[in-house]
Amino acid sequence: MSFTLGQLQQVIRELYDTKDRRRGVEGTFMWFMEEVGELSAALRSSSREELAAEFADVLAWLATLANIAEIDLEAAVQAKYGAGCPGCQRIPCRCDQAEKP
């Protein structure tokens, strides 16, 4: 089964919303950061399967944070990146290499 970003966010909400809201944004952010740390370690030395699992965990915890904050991730990504690079508004980005993004 494949998901859009909005569908993923809904699945995470259906699976974990009660627990996530009890934990709150601060506790959830700590779990998110732990998963980012695990992804960092996996990028250095893990198999593709382990790396993929860590990417999935980070994305799931990001969706959890967005749910608690009542942010529609799909709409937020579309608004920020839907017309191209937020800096130069081009696809592909042509911003100076030293600039973000």
C-alpha atoms as a PDB file:
ATOM      1  CA  MET A   1       0.000   0.000   0.000  1.00  0.00           C
ATOM      2  CA  SER A   2       1.269   3.475  -0.795  1.00  0.00           C
ATOM      3  CA  PHE A   3       0.345   6.702   0.971  1.00  0.00           C
ATOM      4  CA  THR A   4       0.215  10.352   0.132  1.00  0.00           C
ATOM      5  CA  LEU A   5       1.697  12.499   2.861  1.00  0.00           C
ATOM      6  CA  GLY A   6      -1.825  13.375   4.001  1.00  0.00           C
ATOM      7  CA  GLN A   7      -2.823   9.699   4.155  1.00  0.00           C
ATOM      8  CA  LEU A   8       0.296   8.861   6.155  1.00  0.00           C
ATOM      9  CA  GLN A   9      -0.531  11.615   8.620  1.00  0.00           C
ATOM     10  CA  GLN A  10      -4.068  10.233   8.967  1.00  0.00           C
ATOM     11  CA  VAL A  11      -2.815   6.672   9.506  1.00  0.00           C
ATOM     12  CA  ILE A  12      -0.447   7.873  12.237  1.00  0.00           C
ATOM     13  CA  ARG A  13      -3.334   9.817  13.804  1.00  0.00           C
ATOM     14  CA  GLU A  14      -5.584   6.740  13.782  1.00  0.00           C
ATOM     15  CA  LEU A  15      -2.867   4.523  15.245  1.00  0.00           C
ATOM     16  CA  TYR A  16      -1.432   6.749  17.969  1.00  0.00           C
ATOM     17  CA  ASP A  17      -3.369  10.002  18.486  1.00  0.00           C
ATOM     18  CA  THR A  18      -4.581   9.307  22.039  1.00  0.00           C
ATOM     19  CA  LYS A  19      -1.100   8.345  23.267  1.00  0.00           C
ATOM     20  CA  ASP A  20       0.533  11.170  21.321  1.00  0.00           C
ATOM     21  CA  ARG A  21      -1.724  13.845  22.766  1.00  0.00           C
ATOM     22  CA  ARG A  22      -1.182  12.520  26.304  1.00  0.00           C
ATOM     23  CA  ARG A  23       2.589  12.722  25.748  1.00  0.00           C
ATOM     24  CA  GLY A  24       2.283  16.274  24.392  1.00  0.00           C
ATOM     25  CA  VAL A  25       4.444  18.199  22.002  1.00  0.00           C
ATOM     26  CA  GLU A  26       7.513  18.355  24.267  1.00  0.00           C
ATOM     27  CA  GLY A  27       7.617  14.606  24.940  1.00  0.00           C
ATOM     28  CA  THR A  28       6.874  13.819  21.329  1.00  0.00           C
ATOM     29  CA  PHE A  29       9.622  16.148  20.157  1.00  0.00           C
ATOM     30  CA  MET A  30      12.095  14.267  22.355  1.00  0.00           C
ATOM     31  CA  TRP A  31      11.064  10.963  20.715  1.00  0.00           C
ATOM     32  CA  PHE A  32      11.392  12.605  17.300  1.00  0.00           C
ATOM     33  CA  MET A  33      14.917  13.767  18.105  1.00  0.00           C
ATOM     34  CA  GLU A  34      15.846  10.293  19.344  1.00  0.00           C
ATOM     35  CA  GLU A  35      14.719   8.872  15.998  1.00  0.00           C
ATOM     36  CA  VAL A  36      16.743  11.522  14.142  1.00  0.00           C
ATOM     37  CA  GLY A  37      19.764  10.372  16.152  1.00  0.00           C
ATOM     38  CA  GLU A  38      19.074   6.765  15.188  1.00  0.00           C
ATOM     39  CA  LEU A  39      18.836   7.830  11.549  1.00  0.00           C
ATOM     40  CA  SER A  40      22.164   9.608  11.892  1.00  0.00           C
ATOM     41  CA  ALA A  41      23.790   6.432  13.187  1.00  0.00           C
ATOM     42  CA  ALA A  42      22.131   4.323  10.488  1.00  0.00           C
ATOM     43  CA  LEU A  43      23.457   6.623   7.754  1.00  0.00           C
ATOM     44  CA  ARG A  44      26.969   5.770   8.869  1.00  0.00           C
ATOM     45  CA  SER A  45      26.813   2.002   9.134  1.00  0.00           C
ATOM     46  CA  SER A  46      23.507   0.275   8.536  1.00  0.00           C
ATOM     47  CA  SER A  47      22.055  -1.924   5.833  1.00  0.00           C
ATOM     48  CA  ARG A  48      19.598  -0.426   3.354  1.00  0.00           C
ATOM     49  CA  GLU A  49      16.737  -2.151   5.187  1.00  0.00           C
ATOM     50  CA  GLU A  50      17.717  -0.691   8.564  1.00  0.00           C
ATOM     51  CA  LEU A  51      18.266   2.715   6.990  1.00  0.00           C
ATOM     52  CA  ALA A  52      14.841   2.603   5.341  1.00  0.00           C
ATOM     53  CA  ALA A  53      13.240   1.702   8.689  1.00  0.00           C
ATOM     54  CA  GLU A  54      14.900   4.697  10.364  1.00  0.00           C
ATOM     55  CA  PHE A  55      13.712   7.050   7.619  1.00  0.00           C
ATOM     56  CA  ALA A  56      10.192   5.679   8.129  1.00  0.00           C
ATOM     57  CA  ASP A  57      10.429   6.221  11.893  1.00  0.00           C
ATOM     58  CA  VAL A  58      11.565   9.837  11.483  1.00  0.00           C
ATOM     59  CA  LEU A  59       8.735  10.528   9.043  1.00  0.00           C
ATOM     60  CA  ALA A  60       6.174   8.912  11.370  1.00  0.00           C
ATOM     61  CA  TRP A  61       7.332  10.980  14.348  1.00  0.00           C
ATOM     62  CA  LEU A  62       7.267  14.136  12.201  1.00  0.00           C
ATOM     63  CA  ALA A  63       3.659  13.310  11.261  1.00  0.00           C
ATOM     64  CA  THR A  64       2.911  12.817  14.961  1.00  0.00           C
ATOM     65  CA  LEU A  65       4.292  16.261  15.808  1.00  0.00           C
ATOM     66  CA  ALA A  66       2.281  17.812  12.994  1.00  0.00           C
ATOM     67  CA  ASN A  67      -0.867  16.072  14.252  1.00  0.00           C
ATOM     68  CA  ILE A  68      -0.387  17.399  17.782  1.00  0.00           C
ATOM     69  CA  ALA A  69       0.305  20.898  16.419  1.00  0.00           C
ATOM     70  CA  GLU A  70      -2.692  20.559  14.063  1.00  0.00           C
ATOM     71  CA  ILE A  71      -0.606  21.182  10.950  1.00  0.00           C
ATOM     72  CA  ASP A  72      -1.568  19.558   7.646  1.00  0.00           C
ATOM     73  CA  LEU A  73       1.850  18.404   6.404  1.00  0.00           C
ATOM     74  CA  GLU A  74       0.728  17.907   2.830  1.00  0.00           C
ATOM     75  CA  ALA A  75      -0.671  21.449   2.631  1.00  0.00           C
ATOM     76  CA  ALA A  76       2.409  22.892   4.352  1.00  0.00           C
ATOM     77  CA  VAL A  77       4.806  21.172   1.936  1.00  0.00           C
ATOM     78  CA  GLN A  78       2.699  22.201  -1.054  1.00  0.00           C
ATOM     79  CA  ALA A  79       2.592  25.817   0.113  1.00  0.00           C
ATOM     80  CA  LYS A  80       6.334  25.994   0.702  1.00  0.00           C
ATOM     81  CA  TYR A  81       7.718  23.886  -2.167  1.00  0.00           C
ATOM     82  CA  GLY A  82       4.877  23.514  -4.666  1.00  0.00           C
ATOM     83  CA  ALA A  83       6.019  26.408  -6.844  1.00  0.00           C
ATOM     84  CA  GLY A  84       9.711  25.488  -6.715  1.00  0.00           C
ATOM     85  CA  CYS A  85      12.571  26.508  -4.489  1.00  0.00           C
ATOM     86  CA  PRO A  86      11.373  28.850  -1.727  1.00  0.00           C
ATOM     87  CA  GLY A  87      14.467  31.009  -2.338  1.00  0.00           C
ATOM     88  CA  CYS A  88      14.680  31.392  -6.105  1.00  0.00           C
ATOM     89  CA  GLN A  89      11.259  29.936  -7.114  1.00  0.00           C
ATOM     90  CA  ARG A  90      12.929  27.714  -9.713  1.00  0.00           C
ATOM     91  CA  ILE A  91      12.996  24.004 -10.464  1.00  0.00           C
ATOM     92  CA  PRO A  92      15.751  22.942 -10.080  1.00  0.00           C
ATOM     93  CA  CYS A  93      17.019  25.364  -7.454  1.00  0.00           C
ATOM     94  CA  ARG A  94      19.534  27.899  -8.732  1.00  0.00           C
ATOM     95  CA  CYS A  95      20.340  29.562  -5.414  1.00  0.00           C
ATOM     96  CA  ASP A  96      23.989  30.288  -4.702  1.00  0.00           C
ATOM     97  CA  GLN A  97      25.637  27.173  -3.224  1.00  0.00           C
ATOM     98  CA  ALA A  98      26.391  29.032   0.042  1.00  0.00           C
ATOM     99  CA  GLU A  99      22.731  29.990   0.529  1.00  0.00           C
ATOM    100  CA  LYS A 100      19.919  27.892   1.930  1.00  0.00           C
ATOM    101  CA  PRO A 101      18.432  25.665   0.635  1.00  0.00           C
END
